[in-house]
Amino acid sequence: DALDENEIIFSGRSDAPDADNSAAA
């Protein structure tokens, strides 16, 4: 299940210049 954090973890942080890296984004 790709929605299960116990099986796979994704990063929401963007390395693009001026990217919005707030918690919500």
PDBML (XML) file of the C-alpha atoms, coordinates in Angstrom:
<?xml version="1.0" encoding="UTF-8" ?>
<PDBx:datablock datablockName="MODEL"
   xmlns:PDBx="http://pdbml.pdb.org/schema/pdbx-v50.xsd"
   xmlns:xsi="http://www.w3.org/2001/XMLSchema-instance"
   xsi:schemaLocation="http://pdbml.pdb.org/schema/pdbx-v50.xsd pdbx-v50.xsd">
   <PDBx:atom_siteCategory>
      <PDBx:atom_site id="1">
         <PDBx:B_iso_or_equiv>0.00</PDBx:B_iso_or_equiv>
         <PDBx:Cartn_x>0.000</PDBx:Cartn_x>
         <PDBx:Cartn_y>0.000</PDBx:Cartn_y>
         <PDBx:Cartn_z>0.000</PDBx:Cartn_z>
         <PDBx:auth_asym_id>A</PDBx:auth_asym_id>
         <PDBx:auth_atom_id>CA</PDBx:auth_atom_id>
         <PDBx:auth_comp_id>ASP</PDBx:auth_comp_id>
         <PDBx:auth_seq_id>1</PDBx:auth_seq_id>
         <PDBx:group_PDB>ATOM</PDBx:group_PDB>
         <PDBx:label_alt_id xsi:nil="true" />
         <PDBx:label_asym_id>A</PDBx:label_asym_id>
         <PDBx:label_atom_id>CA</PDBx:label_atom_id>
         <PDBx:label_comp_id>ASP</PDBx:label_comp_id>
         <PDBx:label_entity_id>1</PDBx:label_entity_id>
         <PDBx:label_seq_id>1</PDBx:label_seq_id>
         <PDBx:occupancy>1.00</PDBx:occupancy>
         <PDBx:pdbx_PDB_model_num>1</PDBx:pdbx_PDB_model_num>
         <PDBx:type_symbol>C</PDBx:type_symbol>
      </PDBx:atom_site>
      <PDBx:atom_site id="2">
         <PDBx:B_iso_or_equiv>0.00</PDBx:B_iso_or_equiv>
         <PDBx:Cartn_x>1.742</PDBx:Cartn_x>
         <PDBx:Cartn_y>3.162</PDBx:Cartn_y>
         <PDBx:Cartn_z>-1.204</PDBx:Cartn_z>
         <PDBx:auth_asym_id>A</PDBx:auth_asym_id>
         <PDBx:auth_atom_id>CA</PDBx:auth_atom_id>
         <PDBx:auth_comp_id>ALA</PDBx:auth_comp_id>
         <PDBx:auth_seq_id>2</PDBx:auth_seq_id>
         <PDBx:group_PDB>ATOM</PDBx:group_PDB>
         <PDBx:label_alt_id xsi:nil="true" />
         <PDBx:label_asym_id>A</PDBx:label_asym_id>
         <PDBx:label_atom_id>CA</PDBx:label_atom_id>
         <PDBx:label_comp_id>ALA</PDBx:label_comp_id>
         <PDBx:label_entity_id>1</PDBx:label_entity_id>
         <PDBx:label_seq_id>2</PDBx:label_seq_id>
         <PDBx:occupancy>1.00</PDBx:occupancy>
         <PDBx:pdbx_PDB_model_num>1</PDBx:pdbx_PDB_model_num>
         <PDBx:type_symbol>C</PDBx:type_symbol>
      </PDBx:atom_site>
      <PDBx:atom_site id="3">
         <PDBx:B_iso_or_equiv>0.00</PDBx:B_iso_or_equiv>
         <PDBx:Cartn_x>-0.246</PDBx:Cartn_x>
         <PDBx:Cartn_y>5.160</PDBx:Cartn_y>
         <PDBx:Cartn_z>1.369</PDBx:Cartn_z>
         <PDBx:auth_asym_id>A</PDBx:auth_asym_id>
         <PDBx:auth_atom_id>CA</PDBx:auth_atom_id>
         <PDBx:auth_comp_id>LEU</PDBx:auth_comp_id>
         <PDBx:auth_seq_id>3</PDBx:auth_seq_id>
         <PDBx:group_PDB>ATOM</PDBx:group_PDB>
         <PDBx:label_alt_id xsi:nil="true" />
         <PDBx:label_asym_id>A</PDBx:label_asym_id>
         <PDBx:label_atom_id>CA</PDBx:label_atom_id>
         <PDBx:label_comp_id>LEU</PDBx:label_comp_id>
         <PDBx:label_entity_id>1</PDBx:label_entity_id>
         <PDBx:label_seq_id>3</PDBx:label_seq_id>
         <PDBx:occupancy>1.00</PDBx:occupancy>
         <PDBx:pdbx_PDB_model_num>1</PDBx:pdbx_PDB_model_num>
         <PDBx:type_symbol>C</PDBx:type_symbol>
      </PDBx:atom_site>
      <PDBx:atom_site id="4">
         <PDBx:B_iso_or_equiv>0.00</PDBx:B_iso_or_equiv>
         <PDBx:Cartn_x>1.277</PDBx:Cartn_x>
         <PDBx:Cartn_y>3.235</PDBx:Cartn_y>
         <PDBx:Cartn_z>4.303</PDBx:Cartn_z>
         <PDBx:auth_asym_id>A</PDBx:auth_asym_id>
         <PDBx:auth_atom_id>CA</PDBx:auth_atom_id>
         <PDBx:auth_comp_id>ASP</PDBx:auth_comp_id>
         <PDBx:auth_seq_id>4</PDBx:auth_seq_id>
         <PDBx:group_PDB>ATOM</PDBx:group_PDB>
         <PDBx:label_alt_id xsi:nil="true" />
         <PDBx:label_asym_id>A</PDBx:label_asym_id>
         <PDBx:label_atom_id>CA</PDBx:label_atom_id>
         <PDBx:label_comp_id>ASP</PDBx:label_comp_id>
         <PDBx:label_entity_id>1</PDBx:label_entity_id>
         <PDBx:label_seq_id>4</PDBx:label_seq_id>
         <PDBx:occupancy>1.00</PDBx:occupancy>
         <PDBx:pdbx_PDB_model_num>1</PDBx:pdbx_PDB_model_num>
         <PDBx:type_symbol>C</PDBx:type_symbol>
      </PDBx:atom_site>
      <PDBx:atom_site id="5">
         <PDBx:B_iso_or_equiv>0.00</PDBx:B_iso_or_equiv>
         <PDBx:Cartn_x>4.143</PDBx:Cartn_x>
         <PDBx:Cartn_y>5.160</PDBx:Cartn_y>
         <PDBx:Cartn_z>5.958</PDBx:Cartn_z>
         <PDBx:auth_asym_id>A</PDBx:auth_asym_id>
         <PDBx:auth_atom_id>CA</PDBx:auth_atom_id>
         <PDBx:auth_comp_id>GLU</PDBx:auth_comp_id>
         <PDBx:auth_seq_id>5</PDBx:auth_seq_id>
         <PDBx:group_PDB>ATOM</PDBx:group_PDB>
         <PDBx:label_alt_id xsi:nil="true" />
         <PDBx:label_asym_id>A</PDBx:label_asym_id>
         <PDBx:label_atom_id>CA</PDBx:label_atom_id>
         <PDBx:label_comp_id>GLU</PDBx:label_comp_id>
         <PDBx:label_entity_id>1</PDBx:label_entity_id>
         <PDBx:label_seq_id>5</PDBx:label_seq_id>
         <PDBx:occupancy>1.00</PDBx:occupancy>
         <PDBx:pdbx_PDB_model_num>1</PDBx:pdbx_PDB_model_num>
         <PDBx:type_symbol>C</PDBx:type_symbol>
      </PDBx:atom_site>
      <PDBx:atom_site id="6">
         <PDBx:B_iso_or_equiv>0.00</PDBx:B_iso_or_equiv>
         <PDBx:Cartn_x>5.464</PDBx:Cartn_x>
         <PDBx:Cartn_y>1.911</PDBx:Cartn_y>
         <PDBx:Cartn_z>7.442</PDBx:Cartn_z>
         <PDBx:auth_asym_id>A</PDBx:auth_asym_id>
         <PDBx:auth_atom_id>CA</PDBx:auth_atom_id>
         <PDBx:auth_comp_id>ASN</PDBx:auth_comp_id>
         <PDBx:auth_seq_id>6</PDBx:auth_seq_id>
         <PDBx:group_PDB>ATOM</PDBx:group_PDB>
         <PDBx:label_alt_id xsi:nil="true" />
         <PDBx:label_asym_id>A</PDBx:label_asym_id>
         <PDBx:label_atom_id>CA</PDBx:label_atom_id>
         <PDBx:label_comp_id>ASN</PDBx:label_comp_id>
         <PDBx:label_entity_id>1</PDBx:label_entity_id>
         <PDBx:label_seq_id>6</PDBx:label_seq_id>
         <PDBx:occupancy>1.00</PDBx:occupancy>
         <PDBx:pdbx_PDB_model_num>1</PDBx:pdbx_PDB_model_num>
         <PDBx:type_symbol>C</PDBx:type_symbol>
      </PDBx:atom_site>
      <PDBx:atom_site id="7">
         <PDBx:B_iso_or_equiv>0.00</PDBx:B_iso_or_equiv>
         <PDBx:Cartn_x>6.196</PDBx:Cartn_x>
         <PDBx:Cartn_y>0.634</PDBx:Cartn_y>
         <PDBx:Cartn_z>3.934</PDBx:Cartn_z>
         <PDBx:auth_asym_id>A</PDBx:auth_asym_id>
         <PDBx:auth_atom_id>CA</PDBx:auth_atom_id>
         <PDBx:auth_comp_id>GLU</PDBx:auth_comp_id>
         <PDBx:auth_seq_id>7</PDBx:auth_seq_id>
         <PDBx:group_PDB>ATOM</PDBx:group_PDB>
         <PDBx:label_alt_id xsi:nil="true" />
         <PDBx:label_asym_id>A</PDBx:label_asym_id>
         <PDBx:label_atom_id>CA</PDBx:label_atom_id>
         <PDBx:label_comp_id>GLU</PDBx:label_comp_id>
         <PDBx:label_entity_id>1</PDBx:label_entity_id>
         <PDBx:label_seq_id>7</PDBx:label_seq_id>
         <PDBx:occupancy>1.00</PDBx:occupancy>
         <PDBx:pdbx_PDB_model_num>1</PDBx:pdbx_PDB_model_num>
         <PDBx:type_symbol>C</PDBx:type_symbol>
      </PDBx:atom_site>
      <PDBx:atom_site id="8">
         <PDBx:B_iso_or_equiv>0.00</PDBx:B_iso_or_equiv>
         <PDBx:Cartn_x>7.505</PDBx:Cartn_x>
         <PDBx:Cartn_y>3.670</PDBx:Cartn_y>
         <PDBx:Cartn_z>2.091</PDBx:Cartn_z>
         <PDBx:auth_asym_id>A</PDBx:auth_asym_id>
         <PDBx:auth_atom_id>CA</PDBx:auth_atom_id>
         <PDBx:auth_comp_id>ILE</PDBx:auth_comp_id>
         <PDBx:auth_seq_id>8</PDBx:auth_seq_id>
         <PDBx:group_PDB>ATOM</PDBx:group_PDB>
         <PDBx:label_alt_id xsi:nil="true" />
         <PDBx:label_asym_id>A</PDBx:label_asym_id>
         <PDBx:label_atom_id>CA</PDBx:label_atom_id>
         <PDBx:label_comp_id>ILE</PDBx:label_comp_id>
         <PDBx:label_entity_id>1</PDBx:label_entity_id>
         <PDBx:label_seq_id>8</PDBx:label_seq_id>
         <PDBx:occupancy>1.00</PDBx:occupancy>
         <PDBx:pdbx_PDB_model_num>1</PDBx:pdbx_PDB_model_num>
         <PDBx:type_symbol>C</PDBx:type_symbol>
      </PDBx:atom_site>
      <PDBx:atom_site id="9">
         <PDBx:B_iso_or_equiv>0.00</PDBx:B_iso_or_equiv>
         <PDBx:Cartn_x>8.446</PDBx:Cartn_x>
         <PDBx:Cartn_y>7.209</PDBx:Cartn_y>
         <PDBx:Cartn_z>3.093</PDBx:Cartn_z>
         <PDBx:auth_asym_id>A</PDBx:auth_asym_id>
         <PDBx:auth_atom_id>CA</PDBx:auth_atom_id>
         <PDBx:auth_comp_id>ILE</PDBx:auth_comp_id>
         <PDBx:auth_seq_id>9</PDBx:auth_seq_id>
         <PDBx:group_PDB>ATOM</PDBx:group_PDB>
         <PDBx:label_alt_id xsi:nil="true" />
         <PDBx:label_asym_id>A</PDBx:label_asym_id>
         <PDBx:label_atom_id>CA</PDBx:label_atom_id>
         <PDBx:label_comp_id>ILE</PDBx:label_comp_id>
         <PDBx:label_entity_id>1</PDBx:label_entity_id>
         <PDBx:label_seq_id>9</PDBx:label_seq_id>
         <PDBx:occupancy>1.00</PDBx:occupancy>
         <PDBx:pdbx_PDB_model_num>1</PDBx:pdbx_PDB_model_num>
         <PDBx:type_symbol>C</PDBx:type_symbol>
      </PDBx:atom_site>
      <PDBx:atom_site id="10">
         <PDBx:B_iso_or_equiv>0.00</PDBx:B_iso_or_equiv>
         <PDBx:Cartn_x>8.446</PDBx:Cartn_x>
         <PDBx:Cartn_y>10.207</PDBx:Cartn_y>
         <PDBx:Cartn_z>0.767</PDBx:Cartn_z>
         <PDBx:auth_asym_id>A</PDBx:auth_asym_id>
         <PDBx:auth_atom_id>CA</PDBx:auth_atom_id>
         <PDBx:auth_comp_id>PHE</PDBx:auth_comp_id>
         <PDBx:auth_seq_id>10</PDBx:auth_seq_id>
         <PDBx:group_PDB>ATOM</PDBx:group_PDB>
         <PDBx:label_alt_id xsi:nil="true" />
         <PDBx:label_asym_id>A</PDBx:label_asym_id>
         <PDBx:label_atom_id>CA</PDBx:label_atom_id>
         <PDBx:label_comp_id>PHE</PDBx:label_comp_id>
         <PDBx:label_entity_id>1</PDBx:label_entity_id>
         <PDBx:label_seq_id>10</PDBx:label_seq_id>
         <PDBx:occupancy>1.00</PDBx:occupancy>
         <PDBx:pdbx_PDB_model_num>1</PDBx:pdbx_PDB_model_num>
         <PDBx:type_symbol>C</PDBx:type_symbol>
      </PDBx:atom_site>
      <PDBx:atom_site id="11">
         <PDBx:B_iso_or_equiv>0.00</PDBx:B_iso_or_equiv>
         <PDBx:Cartn_x>10.051</PDBx:Cartn_x>
         <PDBx:Cartn_y>13.606</PDBx:Cartn_y>
         <PDBx:Cartn_z>1.173</PDBx:Cartn_z>
         <PDBx:auth_asym_id>A</PDBx:auth_asym_id>
         <PDBx:auth_atom_id>CA</PDBx:auth_atom_id>
         <PDBx:auth_comp_id>SER</PDBx:auth_comp_id>
         <PDBx:auth_seq_id>11</PDBx:auth_seq_id>
         <PDBx:group_PDB>ATOM</PDBx:group_PDB>
         <PDBx:label_alt_id xsi:nil="true" />
         <PDBx:label_asym_id>A</PDBx:label_asym_id>
         <PDBx:label_atom_id>CA</PDBx:label_atom_id>
         <PDBx:label_comp_id>SER</PDBx:label_comp_id>
         <PDBx:label_entity_id>1</PDBx:label_entity_id>
         <PDBx:label_seq_id>11</PDBx:label_seq_id>
         <PDBx:occupancy>1.00</PDBx:occupancy>
         <PDBx:pdbx_PDB_model_num>1</PDBx:pdbx_PDB_model_num>
         <PDBx:type_symbol>C</PDBx:type_symbol>
      </PDBx:atom_site>
      <PDBx:atom_site id="12">
         <PDBx:B_iso_or_equiv>0.00</PDBx:B_iso_or_equiv>
         <PDBx:Cartn_x>7.937</PDBx:Cartn_x>
         <PDBx:Cartn_y>16.668</PDBx:Cartn_y>
         <PDBx:Cartn_z>0.568</PDBx:Cartn_z>
         <PDBx:auth_asym_id>A</PDBx:auth_asym_id>
         <PDBx:auth_atom_id>CA</PDBx:auth_atom_id>
         <PDBx:auth_comp_id>GLY</PDBx:auth_comp_id>
         <PDBx:auth_seq_id>12</PDBx:auth_seq_id>
         <PDBx:group_PDB>ATOM</PDBx:group_PDB>
         <PDBx:label_alt_id xsi:nil="true" />
         <PDBx:label_asym_id>A</PDBx:label_asym_id>
         <PDBx:label_atom_id>CA</PDBx:label_atom_id>
         <PDBx:label_comp_id>GLY</PDBx:label_comp_id>
         <PDBx:label_entity_id>1</PDBx:label_entity_id>
         <PDBx:label_seq_id>12</PDBx:label_seq_id>
         <PDBx:occupancy>1.00</PDBx:occupancy>
         <PDBx:pdbx_PDB_model_num>1</PDBx:pdbx_PDB_model_num>
         <PDBx:type_symbol>C</PDBx:type_symbol>
      </PDBx:atom_site>
      <PDBx:atom_site id="13">
         <PDBx:B_iso_or_equiv>0.00</PDBx:B_iso_or_equiv>
         <PDBx:Cartn_x>10.847</PDBx:Cartn_x>
         <PDBx:Cartn_y>19.069</PDBx:Cartn_y>
         <PDBx:Cartn_z>0.473</PDBx:Cartn_z>
         <PDBx:auth_asym_id>A</PDBx:auth_asym_id>
         <PDBx:auth_atom_id>CA</PDBx:auth_atom_id>
         <PDBx:auth_comp_id>ARG</PDBx:auth_comp_id>
         <PDBx:auth_seq_id>13</PDBx:auth_seq_id>
         <PDBx:group_PDB>ATOM</PDBx:group_PDB>
         <PDBx:label_alt_id xsi:nil="true" />
         <PDBx:label_asym_id>A</PDBx:label_asym_id>
         <PDBx:label_atom_id>CA</PDBx:label_atom_id>
         <PDBx:label_comp_id>ARG</PDBx:label_comp_id>
         <PDBx:label_entity_id>1</PDBx:label_entity_id>
         <PDBx:label_seq_id>13</PDBx:label_seq_id>
         <PDBx:occupancy>1.00</PDBx:occupancy>
         <PDBx:pdbx_PDB_model_num>1</PDBx:pdbx_PDB_model_num>
         <PDBx:type_symbol>C</PDBx:type_symbol>
      </PDBx:atom_site>
      <PDBx:atom_site id="14">
         <PDBx:B_iso_or_equiv>0.00</PDBx:B_iso_or_equiv>
         <PDBx:Cartn_x>11.592</PDBx:Cartn_x>
         <PDBx:Cartn_y>20.741</PDBx:Cartn_y>
         <PDBx:Cartn_z>-2.862</PDBx:Cartn_z>
         <PDBx:auth_asym_id>A</PDBx:auth_asym_id>
         <PDBx:auth_atom_id>CA</PDBx:auth_atom_id>
         <PDBx:auth_comp_id>SER</PDBx:auth_comp_id>
         <PDBx:auth_seq_id>14</PDBx:auth_seq_id>
         <PDBx:group_PDB>ATOM</PDBx:group_PDB>
         <PDBx:label_alt_id xsi:nil="true" />
         <PDBx:label_asym_id>A</PDBx:label_asym_id>
         <PDBx:label_atom_id>CA</PDBx:label_atom_id>
         <PDBx:label_comp_id>SER</PDBx:label_comp_id>
         <PDBx:label_entity_id>1</PDBx:label_entity_id>
         <PDBx:label_seq_id>14</PDBx:label_seq_id>
         <PDBx:occupancy>1.00</PDBx:occupancy>
         <PDBx:pdbx_PDB_model_num>1</PDBx:pdbx_PDB_model_num>
         <PDBx:type_symbol>C</PDBx:type_symbol>
      </PDBx:atom_site>
      <PDBx:atom_site id="15">
         <PDBx:B_iso_or_equiv>0.00</PDBx:B_iso_or_equiv>
         <PDBx:Cartn_x>15.100</PDBx:Cartn_x>
         <PDBx:Cartn_y>21.810</PDBx:Cartn_y>
         <PDBx:Cartn_z>-3.907</PDBx:Cartn_z>
         <PDBx:auth_asym_id>A</PDBx:auth_asym_id>
         <PDBx:auth_atom_id>CA</PDBx:auth_atom_id>
         <PDBx:auth_comp_id>ASP</PDBx:auth_comp_id>
         <PDBx:auth_seq_id>15</PDBx:auth_seq_id>
         <PDBx:group_PDB>ATOM</PDBx:group_PDB>
         <PDBx:label_alt_id xsi:nil="true" />
         <PDBx:label_asym_id>A</PDBx:label_asym_id>
         <PDBx:label_atom_id>CA</PDBx:label_atom_id>
         <PDBx:label_comp_id>ASP</PDBx:label_comp_id>
         <PDBx:label_entity_id>1</PDBx:label_entity_id>
         <PDBx:label_seq_id>15</PDBx:label_seq_id>
         <PDBx:occupancy>1.00</PDBx:occupancy>
         <PDBx:pdbx_PDB_model_num>1</PDBx:pdbx_PDB_model_num>
         <PDBx:type_symbol>C</PDBx:type_symbol>
      </PDBx:atom_site>
      <PDBx:atom_site id="16">
         <PDBx:B_iso_or_equiv>0.00</PDBx:B_iso_or_equiv>
         <PDBx:Cartn_x>13.764</PDBx:Cartn_x>
         <PDBx:Cartn_y>24.219</PDBx:Cartn_y>
         <PDBx:Cartn_z>-6.520</PDBx:Cartn_z>
         <PDBx:auth_asym_id>A</PDBx:auth_asym_id>
         <PDBx:auth_atom_id>CA</PDBx:auth_atom_id>
         <PDBx:auth_comp_id>ALA</PDBx:auth_comp_id>
         <PDBx:auth_seq_id>16</PDBx:auth_seq_id>
         <PDBx:group_PDB>ATOM</PDBx:group_PDB>
         <PDBx:label_alt_id xsi:nil="true" />
         <PDBx:label_asym_id>A</PDBx:label_asym_id>
         <PDBx:label_atom_id>CA</PDBx:label_atom_id>
         <PDBx:label_comp_id>ALA</PDBx:label_comp_id>
         <PDBx:label_entity_id>1</PDBx:label_entity_id>
         <PDBx:label_seq_id>16</PDBx:label_seq_id>
         <PDBx:occupancy>1.00</PDBx:occupancy>
         <PDBx:pdbx_PDB_model_num>1</PDBx:pdbx_PDB_model_num>
         <PDBx:type_symbol>C</PDBx:type_symbol>
      </PDBx:atom_site>
      <PDBx:atom_site id="17">
         <PDBx:B_iso_or_equiv>0.00</PDBx:B_iso_or_equiv>
         <PDBx:Cartn_x>14.743</PDBx:Cartn_x>
         <PDBx:Cartn_y>27.874</PDBx:Cartn_y>
         <PDBx:Cartn_z>-6.043</PDBx:Cartn_z>
         <PDBx:auth_asym_id>A</PDBx:auth_asym_id>
         <PDBx:auth_atom_id>CA</PDBx:auth_atom_id>
         <PDBx:auth_comp_id>PRO</PDBx:auth_comp_id>
         <PDBx:auth_seq_id>17</PDBx:auth_seq_id>
         <PDBx:group_PDB>ATOM</PDBx:group_PDB>
         <PDBx:label_alt_id xsi:nil="true" />
         <PDBx:label_asym_id>A</PDBx:label_asym_id>
         <PDBx:label_atom_id>CA</PDBx:label_atom_id>
         <PDBx:label_comp_id>PRO</PDBx:label_comp_id>
         <PDBx:label_entity_id>1</PDBx:label_entity_id>
         <PDBx:label_seq_id>17</PDBx:label_seq_id>
         <PDBx:occupancy>1.00</PDBx:occupancy>
         <PDBx:pdbx_PDB_model_num>1</PDBx:pdbx_PDB_model_num>
         <PDBx:type_symbol>C</PDBx:type_symbol>
      </PDBx:atom_site>
      <PDBx:atom_site id="18">
         <PDBx:B_iso_or_equiv>0.00</PDBx:B_iso_or_equiv>
         <PDBx:Cartn_x>12.152</PDBx:Cartn_x>
         <PDBx:Cartn_y>29.898</PDBx:Cartn_y>
         <PDBx:Cartn_z>-4.109</PDBx:Cartn_z>
         <PDBx:auth_asym_id>A</PDBx:auth_asym_id>
         <PDBx:auth_atom_id>CA</PDBx:auth_atom_id>
         <PDBx:auth_comp_id>ASP</PDBx:auth_comp_id>
         <PDBx:auth_seq_id>18</PDBx:auth_seq_id>
         <PDBx:group_PDB>ATOM</PDBx:group_PDB>
         <PDBx:label_alt_id xsi:nil="true" />
         <PDBx:label_asym_id>A</PDBx:label_asym_id>
         <PDBx:label_atom_id>CA</PDBx:label_atom_id>
         <PDBx:label_comp_id>ASP</PDBx:label_comp_id>
         <PDBx:label_entity_id>1</PDBx:label_entity_id>
         <PDBx:label_seq_id>18</PDBx:label_seq_id>
         <PDBx:occupancy>1.00</PDBx:occupancy>
         <PDBx:pdbx_PDB_model_num>1</PDBx:pdbx_PDB_model_num>
         <PDBx:type_symbol>C</PDBx:type_symbol>
      </PDBx:atom_site>
      <PDBx:atom_site id="19">
         <PDBx:B_iso_or_equiv>0.00</PDBx:B_iso_or_equiv>
         <PDBx:Cartn_x>10.083</PDBx:Cartn_x>
         <PDBx:Cartn_y>26.758</PDBx:Cartn_y>
         <PDBx:Cartn_z>-3.469</PDBx:Cartn_z>
         <PDBx:auth_asym_id>A</PDBx:auth_asym_id>
         <PDBx:auth_atom_id>CA</PDBx:auth_atom_id>
         <PDBx:auth_comp_id>ALA</PDBx:auth_comp_id>
         <PDBx:auth_seq_id>19</PDBx:auth_seq_id>
         <PDBx:group_PDB>ATOM</PDBx:group_PDB>
         <PDBx:label_alt_id xsi:nil="true" />
         <PDBx:label_asym_id>A</PDBx:label_asym_id>
         <PDBx:label_atom_id>CA</PDBx:label_atom_id>
         <PDBx:label_comp_id>ALA</PDBx:label_comp_id>
         <PDBx:label_entity_id>1</PDBx:label_entity_id>
         <PDBx:label_seq_id>19</PDBx:label_seq_id>
         <PDBx:occupancy>1.00</PDBx:occupancy>
         <PDBx:pdbx_PDB_model_num>1</PDBx:pdbx_PDB_model_num>
         <PDBx:type_symbol>C</PDBx:type_symbol>
      </PDBx:atom_site>
      <PDBx:atom_site id="20">
         <PDBx:B_iso_or_equiv>0.00</PDBx:B_iso_or_equiv>
         <PDBx:Cartn_x>7.443</PDBx:Cartn_x>
         <PDBx:Cartn_y>26.779</PDBx:Cartn_y>
         <PDBx:Cartn_z>-0.750</PDBx:Cartn_z>
         <PDBx:auth_asym_id>A</PDBx:auth_asym_id>
         <PDBx:auth_atom_id>CA</PDBx:auth_atom_id>
         <PDBx:auth_comp_id>ASP</PDBx:auth_comp_id>
         <PDBx:auth_seq_id>20</PDBx:auth_seq_id>
         <PDBx:group_PDB>ATOM</PDBx:group_PDB>
         <PDBx:label_alt_id xsi:nil="true" />
         <PDBx:label_asym_id>A</PDBx:label_asym_id>
         <PDBx:label_atom_id>CA</PDBx:label_atom_id>
         <PDBx:label_comp_id>ASP</PDBx:label_comp_id>
         <PDBx:label_entity_id>1</PDBx:label_entity_id>
         <PDBx:label_seq_id>20</PDBx:label_seq_id>
         <PDBx:occupancy>1.00</PDBx:occupancy>
         <PDBx:pdbx_PDB_model_num>1</PDBx:pdbx_PDB_model_num>
         <PDBx:type_symbol>C</PDBx:type_symbol>
      </PDBx:atom_site>
      <PDBx:atom_site id="21">
         <PDBx:B_iso_or_equiv>0.00</PDBx:B_iso_or_equiv>
         <PDBx:Cartn_x>8.720</PDBx:Cartn_x>
         <PDBx:Cartn_y>24.321</PDBx:Cartn_y>
         <PDBx:Cartn_z>1.863</PDBx:Cartn_z>
         <PDBx:auth_asym_id>A</PDBx:auth_asym_id>
         <PDBx:auth_atom_id>CA</PDBx:auth_atom_id>
         <PDBx:auth_comp_id>ASN</PDBx:auth_comp_id>
         <PDBx:auth_seq_id>21</PDBx:auth_seq_id>
         <PDBx:group_PDB>ATOM</PDBx:group_PDB>
         <PDBx:label_alt_id xsi:nil="true" />
         <PDBx:label_asym_id>A</PDBx:label_asym_id>
         <PDBx:label_atom_id>CA</PDBx:label_atom_id>
         <PDBx:label_comp_id>ASN</PDBx:label_comp_id>
         <PDBx:label_entity_id>1</PDBx:label_entity_id>
         <PDBx:label_seq_id>21</PDBx:label_seq_id>
         <PDBx:occupancy>1.00</PDBx:occupancy>
         <PDBx:pdbx_PDB_model_num>1</PDBx:pdbx_PDB_model_num>
         <PDBx:type_symbol>C</PDBx:type_symbol>
      </PDBx:atom_site>
      <PDBx:atom_site id="22">
         <PDBx:B_iso_or_equiv>0.00</PDBx:B_iso_or_equiv>
         <PDBx:Cartn_x>6.145</PDBx:Cartn_x>
         <PDBx:Cartn_y>25.089</PDBx:Cartn_y>
         <PDBx:Cartn_z>4.530</PDBx:Cartn_z>
         <PDBx:auth_asym_id>A</PDBx:auth_asym_id>
         <PDBx:auth_atom_id>CA</PDBx:auth_atom_id>
         <PDBx:auth_comp_id>SER</PDBx:auth_comp_id>
         <PDBx:auth_seq_id>22</PDBx:auth_seq_id>
         <PDBx:group_PDB>ATOM</PDBx:group_PDB>
         <PDBx:label_alt_id xsi:nil="true" />
         <PDBx:label_asym_id>A</PDBx:label_asym_id>
         <PDBx:label_atom_id>CA</PDBx:label_atom_id>
         <PDBx:label_comp_id>SER</PDBx:label_comp_id>
         <PDBx:label_entity_id>1</PDBx:label_entity_id>
         <PDBx:label_seq_id>22</PDBx:label_seq_id>
         <PDBx:occupancy>1.00</PDBx:occupancy>
         <PDBx:pdbx_PDB_model_num>1</PDBx:pdbx_PDB_model_num>
         <PDBx:type_symbol>C</PDBx:type_symbol>
      </PDBx:atom_site>
      <PDBx:atom_site id="23">
         <PDBx:B_iso_or_equiv>0.00</PDBx:B_iso_or_equiv>
         <PDBx:Cartn_x>4.694</PDBx:Cartn_x>
         <PDBx:Cartn_y>22.152</PDBx:Cartn_y>
         <PDBx:Cartn_z>6.449</PDBx:Cartn_z>
         <PDBx:auth_asym_id>A</PDBx:auth_asym_id>
         <PDBx:auth_atom_id>CA</PDBx:auth_atom_id>
         <PDBx:auth_comp_id>ALA</PDBx:auth_comp_id>
         <PDBx:auth_seq_id>23</PDBx:auth_seq_id>
         <PDBx:group_PDB>ATOM</PDBx:group_PDB>
         <PDBx:label_alt_id xsi:nil="true" />
         <PDBx:label_asym_id>A</PDBx:label_asym_id>
         <PDBx:label_atom_id>CA</PDBx:label_atom_id>
         <PDBx:label_comp_id>ALA</PDBx:label_comp_id>
         <PDBx:label_entity_id>1</PDBx:label_entity_id>
         <PDBx:label_seq_id>23</PDBx:label_seq_id>
         <PDBx:occupancy>1.00</PDBx:occupancy>
         <PDBx:pdbx_PDB_model_num>1</PDBx:pdbx_PDB_model_num>
         <PDBx:type_symbol>C</PDBx:type_symbol>
      </PDBx:atom_site>
      <PDBx:atom_site id="24">
         <PDBx:B_iso_or_equiv>0.00</PDBx:B_iso_or_equiv>
         <PDBx:Cartn_x>1.441</PDBx:Cartn_x>
         <PDBx:Cartn_y>22.359</PDBx:Cartn_y>
         <PDBx:Cartn_z>4.498</PDBx:Cartn_z>
         <PDBx:auth_asym_id>A</PDBx:auth_asym_id>
         <PDBx:auth_atom_id>CA</PDBx:auth_atom_id>
         <PDBx:auth_comp_id>ALA</PDBx:auth_comp_id>
         <PDBx:auth_seq_id>24</PDBx:auth_seq_id>
         <PDBx:group_PDB>ATOM</PDBx:group_PDB>
         <PDBx:label_alt_id xsi:nil="true" />
         <PDBx:label_asym_id>A</PDBx:label_asym_id>
         <PDBx:label_atom_id>CA</PDBx:label_atom_id>
         <PDBx:label_comp_id>ALA</PDBx:label_comp_id>
         <PDBx:label_entity_id>1</PDBx:label_entity_id>
         <PDBx:label_seq_id>24</PDBx:label_seq_id>
         <PDBx:occupancy>1.00</PDBx:occupancy>
         <PDBx:pdbx_PDB_model_num>1</PDBx:pdbx_PDB_model_num>
         <PDBx:type_symbol>C</PDBx:type_symbol>
      </PDBx:atom_site>
      <PDBx:atom_site id="25">
         <PDBx:B_iso_or_equiv>0.00</PDBx:B_iso_or_equiv>
         <PDBx:Cartn_x>3.218</PDBx:Cartn_x>
         <PDBx:Cartn_y>22.447</PDBx:Cartn_y>
         <PDBx:Cartn_z>1.122</PDBx:Cartn_z>
         <PDBx:auth_asym_id>A</PDBx:auth_asym_id>
         <PDBx:auth_atom_id>CA</PDBx:auth_atom_id>
         <PDBx:auth_comp_id>ALA</PDBx:auth_comp_id>
         <PDBx:auth_seq_id>25</PDBx:auth_seq_id>
         <PDBx:group_PDB>ATOM</PDBx:group_PDB>
         <PDBx:label_alt_id xsi:nil="true" />
         <PDBx:label_asym_id>A</PDBx:label_asym_id>
         <PDBx:label_atom_id>CA</PDBx:label_atom_id>
         <PDBx:label_comp_id>ALA</PDBx:label_comp_id>
         <PDBx:label_entity_id>1</PDBx:label_entity_id>
         <PDBx:label_seq_id>25</PDBx:label_seq_id>
         <PDBx:occupancy>1.00</PDBx:occupancy>
         <PDBx:pdbx_PDB_model_num>1</PDBx:pdbx_PDB_model_num>
         <PDBx:type_symbol>C</PDBx:type_symbol>
      </PDBx:atom_site>
   </PDBx:atom_siteCategory>
</PDBx:datablock>
